[in-house]
C-alpha atoms as a PDB file:
ATOM      1  CA  MET A   1      79.917 101.193  27.149  1.00  0.00           C
ATOM      2  CA  ALA A   2      77.815  97.865  26.528  1.00  0.00           C
ATOM      3  CA  TYR A   3      74.431  98.328  26.853  1.00  0.00           C
ATOM      4  CA  THR A   4      72.116  96.077  24.533  1.00  0.00           C
ATOM      5  CA  PHE A   5      74.878  93.262  24.449  1.00  0.00           C
ATOM      6  CA  ILE A   6      76.384  93.755  27.887  1.00  0.00           C
ATOM      7  CA  LEU A   7      73.772  91.246  28.737  1.00  0.00           C
ATOM      8  CA  LEU A   8      75.875  88.316  27.469  1.00  0.00           C
ATOM      9  CA  PHE A   9      78.793  88.200  29.405  1.00  0.00           C
ATOM     10  CA  ILE A  10      79.072  86.314  33.069  1.00  0.00           C
ATOM     11  CA  PHE A  11      80.057  83.090  33.729  1.00  0.00           C
ATOM     12  CA  VAL A  12      78.008  80.290  35.649  1.00  0.00           C
ATOM     13  CA  THR A  13      76.700  81.402  39.549  1.00  0.00           C
ATOM     14  CA  MET A  14      73.764  79.145  39.180  1.00  0.00           C
ATOM     15  CA  GLN A  15      72.903  75.732  37.684  1.00  0.00           C
ATOM     16  CA  GLN A  16      71.123  76.695  34.365  1.00  0.00           C
ATOM     17  CA  HIS A  17      68.289  74.509  33.683  1.00  0.00           C
ATOM     18  CA  PRO A  18      67.449  73.648  30.031  1.00  0.00           C
ATOM     19  CA  ASP A  19      64.512  75.525  29.513  1.00  0.00           C
ATOM     20  CA  THR A  20      66.052  78.777  30.501  1.00  0.00           C
ATOM     21  CA  LYS A  21      68.980  77.737  28.149  1.00  0.00           C
ATOM     22  CA  ALA A  22      66.782  77.404  25.248  1.00  0.00           C
ATOM     23  CA  ALA A  23      65.108  80.702  26.286  1.00  0.00           C
ATOM     24  CA  LEU A  24      68.655  82.469  26.116  1.00  0.00           C
ATOM     25  CA  ILE A  25      69.737  80.952  22.695  1.00  0.00           C
ATOM     26  CA  GLN A  26      66.050  82.157  21.646  1.00  0.00           C
ATOM     27  CA  PHE A  27      66.857  85.324  22.829  1.00  0.00           C
ATOM     28  CA  LEU A  28      70.213  85.868  21.467  1.00  0.00           C
ATOM     29  CA  GLU A  29      68.944  84.797  17.946  1.00  0.00           C
ATOM     30  CA  SER A  30      66.170  86.893  17.843  1.00  0.00           C
ATOM     31  CA  PHE A  31      69.024  89.968  17.407  1.00  0.00           C
ATOM     32  CA  GLY A  32      69.928  88.678  13.938  1.00  0.00           C
ATOM     33  CA  VAL A  33      73.705  89.800  14.351  1.00  0.00           C
ATOM     34  CA  LEU A  34      75.539  86.758  15.817  1.00  0.00           C
ATOM     35  CA  GLN A  35      76.705  83.957  13.722  1.00  0.00           C
ATOM     36  CA  GLN A  36      75.444  80.043  15.296  1.00  0.00           C
ATOM     37  CA  GLU A  37      78.827  79.374  16.465  1.00  0.00           C
ATOM     38  CA  GLU A  38      79.041  82.616  18.187  1.00  0.00           C
ATOM     39  CA  ILE A  39      75.606  82.222  19.791  1.00  0.00           C
ATOM     40  CA  ALA A  40      77.027  78.823  20.996  1.00  0.00           C
ATOM     41  CA  LEU A  41      79.956  80.641  22.666  1.00  0.00           C
ATOM     42  CA  VAL A  42      78.001  83.204  24.366  1.00  0.00           C
ATOM     43  CA  ALA A  43      75.639  80.750  25.364  1.00  0.00           C
ATOM     44  CA  GLU A  44      77.921  78.593  27.020  1.00  0.00           C
ATOM     45  CA  ARG A  45      79.636  81.504  28.923  1.00  0.00           C
ATOM     46  CA  THR A  46      76.393  83.486  29.600  1.00  0.00           C
ATOM     47  CA  GLN A  47      74.692  82.839  33.251  1.00  0.00           C
ATOM     48  CA  LEU A  48      71.030  83.237  33.957  1.00  0.00           C
ATOM     49  CA  GLN A  49      69.768  84.447  37.365  1.00  0.00           C
ATOM     50  CA  HIS A  50      66.350  84.482  38.885  1.00  0.00           C
ATOM     51  CA  TYR A  51      65.190  87.217  40.877  1.00  0.00           C
ATOM     52  CA  LYS A  52      61.972  87.246  43.014  1.00  0.00           C
ATOM     53  CA  LYS A  53      59.402  89.816  42.581  1.00  0.00           C
ATOM     54  CA  GLY A  54      60.151  93.283  44.572  1.00  0.00           C
ATOM     55  CA  THR A  55      64.232  92.296  44.388  1.00  0.00           C
ATOM     56  CA  VAL A  56      66.113  95.624  44.372  1.00  0.00           C
ATOM     57  CA  LEU A  57      68.613  95.399  41.886  1.00  0.00           C
ATOM     58  CA  LEU A  58      70.460  98.811  42.376  1.00  0.00           C
ATOM     59  CA  SER A  59      69.411 101.580  45.110  1.00  0.00           C
ATOM     60  CA  GLU A  60      70.180 105.096  45.104  1.00  0.00           C
ATOM     61  CA  GLY A  61      73.483 105.872  46.560  1.00  0.00           C
ATOM     62  CA  GLU A  62      75.223 102.580  45.211  1.00  0.00           C
ATOM     63  CA  VAL A  63      77.574 102.287  42.540  1.00  0.00           C
ATOM     64  CA  ALA A  64      76.582 100.243  39.669  1.00  0.00           C
ATOM     65  CA  LYS A  65      78.761  97.361  39.364  1.00  0.00           C
ATOM     66  CA  GLU A  66      76.542  95.147  37.060  1.00  0.00           C
ATOM     67  CA  CYS A  67      74.332  95.546  33.891  1.00  0.00           C
ATOM     68  CA  TYR A  68      71.439  93.131  33.051  1.00  0.00           C
ATOM     69  CA  SER A  69      68.990  92.211  30.416  1.00  0.00           C
ATOM     70  CA  VAL A  70      65.406  91.048  30.478  1.00  0.00           C
ATOM     71  CA  ILE A  71      65.190  87.117  29.453  1.00  0.00           C
ATOM     72  CA  GLN A  72      61.490  86.755  31.503  1.00  0.00           C
ATOM     73  CA  GLY A  73      60.113  89.196  33.690  1.00  0.00           C
ATOM     74  CA  CYS A  74      59.836  93.109  34.503  1.00  0.00           C
ATOM     75  CA  VAL A  75      62.206  95.566  35.958  1.00  0.00           C
ATOM     76  CA  ARG A  76      61.303  99.384  36.762  1.00  0.00           C
ATOM     77  CA  GLU A  77      63.571 102.176  37.397  1.00  0.00           C
ATOM     78  CA  TYR A  78      62.521 104.790  39.391  1.00  0.00           C
ATOM     79  CA  TYR A  79      63.538 108.113  41.577  1.00  0.00           C
ATOM     80  CA  LEU A  80      62.800 109.067  44.996  1.00  0.00           C
ATOM     81  CA  VAL A  81      61.864 112.586  45.424  1.00  0.00           C
ATOM     82  CA  ASP A  82      60.509 113.989  48.780  1.00  0.00           C
ATOM     83  CA  GLY A  83      59.700 110.475  49.575  1.00  0.00           C
ATOM     84  CA  VAL A  84      57.895 109.653  46.286  1.00  0.00           C
ATOM     85  CA  GLU A  85      58.554 107.022  43.943  1.00  0.00           C
ATOM     86  CA  LYS A  86      58.901 108.343  40.510  1.00  0.00           C
ATOM     87  CA  THR A  87      58.802 105.746  37.433  1.00  0.00           C
ATOM     88  CA  THR A  88      61.031 106.881  34.525  1.00  0.00           C
ATOM     89  CA  ALA A  89      61.380 103.323  32.951  1.00  0.00           C
ATOM     90  CA  PHE A  90      60.030  99.744  32.533  1.00  0.00           C
ATOM     91  CA  PHE A  91      62.211  96.988  30.805  1.00  0.00           C
ATOM     92  CA  THR A  92      60.762  93.782  29.814  1.00  0.00           C
ATOM     93  CA  GLU A  93      61.582  91.012  27.817  1.00  0.00           C
ATOM     94  CA  GLY A  94      64.689  91.573  25.260  1.00  0.00           C
ATOM     95  CA  GLN A  95      65.177  94.827  26.564  1.00  0.00           C
ATOM     96  CA  PRO A  96      68.830  95.953  28.106  1.00  0.00           C
ATOM     97  CA  ILE A  97      68.801  97.502  31.609  1.00  0.00           C
ATOM     98  CA  SER A  98      71.869  99.620  32.314  1.00  0.00           C
ATOM     99  CA  SER A  99      72.579 102.386  34.814  1.00  0.00           C
ATOM    100  CA  PHE A 100      75.067 103.897  32.551  1.00  0.00           C
ATOM    101  CA  THR A 101      76.128 106.999  34.084  1.00  0.00           C
ATOM    102  CA  SER A 102      76.943 104.704  37.535  1.00  0.00           C
ATOM    103  CA  PHE A 103      78.302 102.105  35.542  1.00  0.00           C
ATOM    104  CA  SER A 104      80.745 103.510  33.070  1.00  0.00           C
ATOM    105  CA  ASN A 105      81.787 106.155  35.821  1.00  0.00           C
ATOM    106  CA  ALA A 106      81.921 104.689  38.784  1.00  0.00           C
ATOM    107  CA  THR A 107      79.612 107.274  40.383  1.00  0.00           C
ATOM    108  CA  ALA A 108      76.609 106.828  42.866  1.00  0.00           C
ATOM    109  CA  SER A 109      73.557 106.135  41.181  1.00  0.00           C
ATOM    110  CA  LYS A 110      70.733 108.346  41.495  1.00  0.00           C
ATOM    111  CA  HIS A 111      67.811 105.886  40.953  1.00  0.00           C
ATOM    112  CA  TYR A 112      66.427 102.381  42.066  1.00  0.00           C
ATOM    113  CA  LEU A 113      66.001  99.623  39.763  1.00  0.00           C
ATOM    114  CA  ALA A 114      63.910  96.729  41.204  1.00  0.00           C
ATOM    115  CA  CYS A 115      61.852  93.729  39.782  1.00  0.00           C
ATOM    116  CA  VAL A 116      57.949  94.414  39.278  1.00  0.00           C
ATOM    117  CA  GLU A 117      57.645  90.453  38.504  1.00  0.00           C
ATOM    118  CA  ASP A 118      59.874  87.554  39.342  1.00  0.00           C
ATOM    119  CA  CYS A 119      62.439  87.849  36.376  1.00  0.00           C
ATOM    120  CA  LEU A 120      65.088  85.630  34.620  1.00  0.00           C
ATOM    121  CA  LEU A 121      68.085  88.101  33.968  1.00  0.00           C
ATOM    122  CA  THR A 122      71.278  88.074  32.503  1.00  0.00           C
ATOM    123  CA  VAL A 123      74.185  89.808  34.663  1.00  0.00           C
ATOM    124  CA  SER A 124      77.319  91.121  33.257  1.00  0.00           C
ATOM    125  CA  ASN A 125      80.340  93.488  34.565  1.00  0.00           C
ATOM    126  CA  ALA A 126      83.292  95.650  32.714  1.00  0.00           C
ATOM    127  CA  SER A 127      85.854  92.456  32.969  1.00  0.00           C
ATOM    128  CA  LEU A 128      83.622  89.915  31.319  1.00  0.00           C
ATOM    129  CA  GLU A 129      82.622  92.172  28.599  1.00  0.00           C
ATOM    130  CA  GLN A 130      85.703  93.213  27.434  1.00  0.00           C
ATOM    131  CA  GLU A 131      86.717  89.338  27.569  1.00  0.00           C
ATOM    132  CA  MET A 132      83.955  88.426  25.330  1.00  0.00           C
ATOM    133  CA  CYS A 133      84.846  91.286  23.030  1.00  0.00           C
ATOM    134  CA  GLN A 134      88.473  89.309  22.633  1.00  0.00           C
ATOM    135  CA  LEU A 135      86.471  86.267  21.926  1.00  0.00           C
ATOM    136  CA  ILE A 136      84.455  88.054  19.270  1.00  0.00           C
ATOM    137  CA  PRO A 137      86.265  90.759  18.170  1.00  0.00           C
ATOM    138  CA  HIS A 138      82.733  92.220  15.534  1.00  0.00           C
ATOM    139  CA  LEU A 139      81.189  92.189  18.816  1.00  0.00           C
ATOM    140  CA  GLU A 140      82.594  95.799  19.887  1.00  0.00           C
ATOM    141  CA  SER A 141      80.928  97.291  16.867  1.00  0.00           C
ATOM    142  CA  ILE A 142      77.750  96.070  17.503  1.00  0.00           C
ATOM    143  CA  ILE A 143      77.783  96.954  20.983  1.00  0.00           C
ATOM    144  CA  ARG A 144      78.833 100.442  19.708  1.00  0.00           C
ATOM    145  CA  GLN A 145      75.768 100.658  17.369  1.00  0.00           C
ATOM    146  CA  GLU A 146      73.174  99.530  19.400  1.00  0.00           C
ATOM    147  CA  VAL A 147      74.653 102.053  22.422  1.00  0.00           C
ATOM    148  CA  GLU A 148      73.789 104.634  19.790  1.00  0.00           C
ATOM    149  CA  LYS A 149      70.622 103.076  18.809  1.00  0.00           C
ATOM    150  CA  ASN A 150      69.335 103.136  22.399  1.00  0.00           C
ATOM    151  CA  ALA A 151      70.754 106.825  23.077  1.00  0.00           C
ATOM    152  CA  GLY A 152      68.128 108.091  20.044  1.00  0.00           C
ATOM    153  CA  ALA A 153      65.264 106.107  21.309  1.00  0.00           C
ATOM    154  CA  LEU A 154      66.076 107.572  24.990  1.00  0.00           C
ATOM    155  CA  GLN A 155      66.228 111.004  22.935  1.00  0.00           C
ATOM    156  CA  ASP A 156      63.125 110.478  21.088  1.00  0.00           C
ATOM    157  CA  ARG A 157      61.090 109.268  24.148  1.00  0.00           C
ATOM    158  CA  MET A 158      61.977 112.048  26.380  1.00  0.00           C
ATOM    159  CA  ALA A 159      60.984 114.639  23.469  1.00  0.00           C
ATOM    160  CA  SER A 160      58.037 112.402  23.110  1.00  0.00           C
ATOM    161  CA  PHE A 161      56.713 112.916  26.710  1.00  0.00           C
ATOM    162  CA  MET A 162      57.524 116.521  26.658  1.00  0.00           C
ATOM    163  CA  THR A 163      55.343 117.607  24.084  1.00  0.00           C
ATOM    164  CA  SER A 164      52.163 115.056  24.587  1.00  0.00           C
ATOM    165  CA  THR A 165      49.280 114.960  26.685  1.00  0.00           C
ATOM    166  CA  PRO A 166      49.088 112.245  29.470  1.00  0.00           C
ATOM    167  CA  GLU A 167      46.554 110.444  27.133  1.00  0.00           C
ATOM    168  CA  GLN A 168      48.683 110.706  23.814  1.00  0.00           C
ATOM    169  CA  ARG A 169      51.480 109.103  26.025  1.00  0.00           C
ATOM    170  CA  PHE A 170      49.099 106.268  27.580  1.00  0.00           C
ATOM    171  CA  LEU A 171      47.918 105.705  23.711  1.00  0.00           C
ATOM    172  CA  ALA A 172      51.548 105.332  22.681  1.00  0.00           C
ATOM    173  CA  LEU A 173      52.144 103.046  25.897  1.00  0.00           C
ATOM    174  CA  MET A 174      49.530 100.621  24.633  1.00  0.00           C
ATOM    175  CA  GLU A 175      50.970 100.562  21.087  1.00  0.00           C
ATOM    176  CA  GLU A 176      54.720  99.929  21.940  1.00  0.00           C
ATOM    177  CA  ASN A 177      54.040  97.930  25.055  1.00  0.00           C
ATOM    178  CA  PRO A 178      50.009  97.006  26.047  1.00  0.00           C
ATOM    179  CA  GLN A 179      51.296  93.955  28.088  1.00  0.00           C
ATOM    180  CA  LEU A 180      52.770  96.407  30.459  1.00  0.00           C
ATOM    181  CA  ILE A 181      49.114  97.486  31.172  1.00  0.00           C
ATOM    182  CA  GLY A 182      48.286  94.320  33.169  1.00  0.00           C
ATOM    183  CA  ARG A 183      51.971  93.514  34.705  1.00  0.00           C
ATOM    184  CA  ALA A 184      52.767  96.715  36.844  1.00  0.00           C
ATOM    185  CA  PRO A 185      50.771  98.112  39.056  1.00  0.00           C
ATOM    186  CA  GLN A 186      48.464 101.010  38.133  1.00  0.00           C
ATOM    187  CA  HIS A 187      49.965 103.531  40.381  1.00  0.00           C
ATOM    188  CA  GLN A 188      53.474 102.546  39.080  1.00  0.00           C
ATOM    189  CA  ILE A 189      51.883 102.949  35.099  1.00  0.00           C
ATOM    190  CA  ALA A 190      50.104 106.251  36.675  1.00  0.00           C
ATOM    191  CA  SER A 191      53.758 107.422  37.832  1.00  0.00           C
ATOM    192  CA  TYR A 192      55.650 106.590  34.579  1.00  0.00           C
ATOM    193  CA  LEU A 193      53.019 108.911  32.832  1.00  0.00           C
ATOM    194  CA  GLY A 194      53.205 111.841  34.824  1.00  0.00           C
ATOM    195  CA  VAL A 195      49.742 111.638  36.335  1.00  0.00           C
ATOM    196  CA  THR A 196      47.928 110.524  39.441  1.00  0.00           C
ATOM    197  CA  PRO A 197      46.165 106.953  39.493  1.00  0.00           C
ATOM    198  CA  GLU A 198      42.994 108.710  39.452  1.00  0.00           C
ATOM    199  CA  SER A 199      43.742 110.223  36.363  1.00  0.00           C
ATOM    200  CA  LEU A 200      44.704 107.575  34.793  1.00  0.00           C
ATOM    201  CA  SER A 201      41.555 105.527  35.780  1.00  0.00           C
ATOM    202  CA  ARG A 202      39.699 108.556  33.757  1.00  0.00           C
ATOM    203  CA  ILE A 203      42.070 108.205  30.634  1.00  0.00           C
ATOM    204  CA  LYS A 204      41.551 104.826  30.757  1.00  0.00           C
ATOM    205  CA  LYS A 205      37.836 104.788  30.620  1.00  0.00           C
ATOM    206  CA  ARG A 206      37.702 107.480  27.520  1.00  0.00           C
ATOM    207  CA  VAL A 207      39.826 105.320  25.720  1.00  0.00           C
ATOM    208  CA  TYR A 208      38.316 102.038  26.362  1.00  0.00           C
ATOM    209  CA  SER A 209      34.734 103.502  25.745  1.00  0.00           C
ATOM    210  CA  SER A 210      35.457 105.679  22.466  1.00  0.00           C
END
């Protein structure tokens, strides 16, 4: 059931460096919901994993056994429809990544997750989440609140996509995550906005010249 704080719960699979440990602590502090001793406990038990640009974290047909959160980098969610990639989400610093249905129900994923850039991610599974909830009891309620908040945000995003024009979607992206425009290839941004790369170029020209 964890979504945002699923990122917190994995043991070491790689040797951490001081800079990544500091990045993790800063990331945990940014949420403002854990005490310092709880942050120290999570940081002690949390592992970070580096992934190269282009790494596929999950493929269509696989059962999601792990969840992630982004400390550094960008991850893309996309579907393959008649051989064409349809981008449905980007995840950047501070955001959780979860194939919720596949992970919760042990069913085959219908989408892919791939690294747009070199990434530093946390990785988790259900047993480690349960262990951390036992160590930090109020974490379970925090997780539930975050799941509800993210579900609401997803619903709002879907409604906005269905009721807005491509140019309005581009302007919303510029307001919410302007750095993404320069971090992901244009054809992926276009797919995310539901337009062709050529249409995106025209939209950008109109917006930047106005």
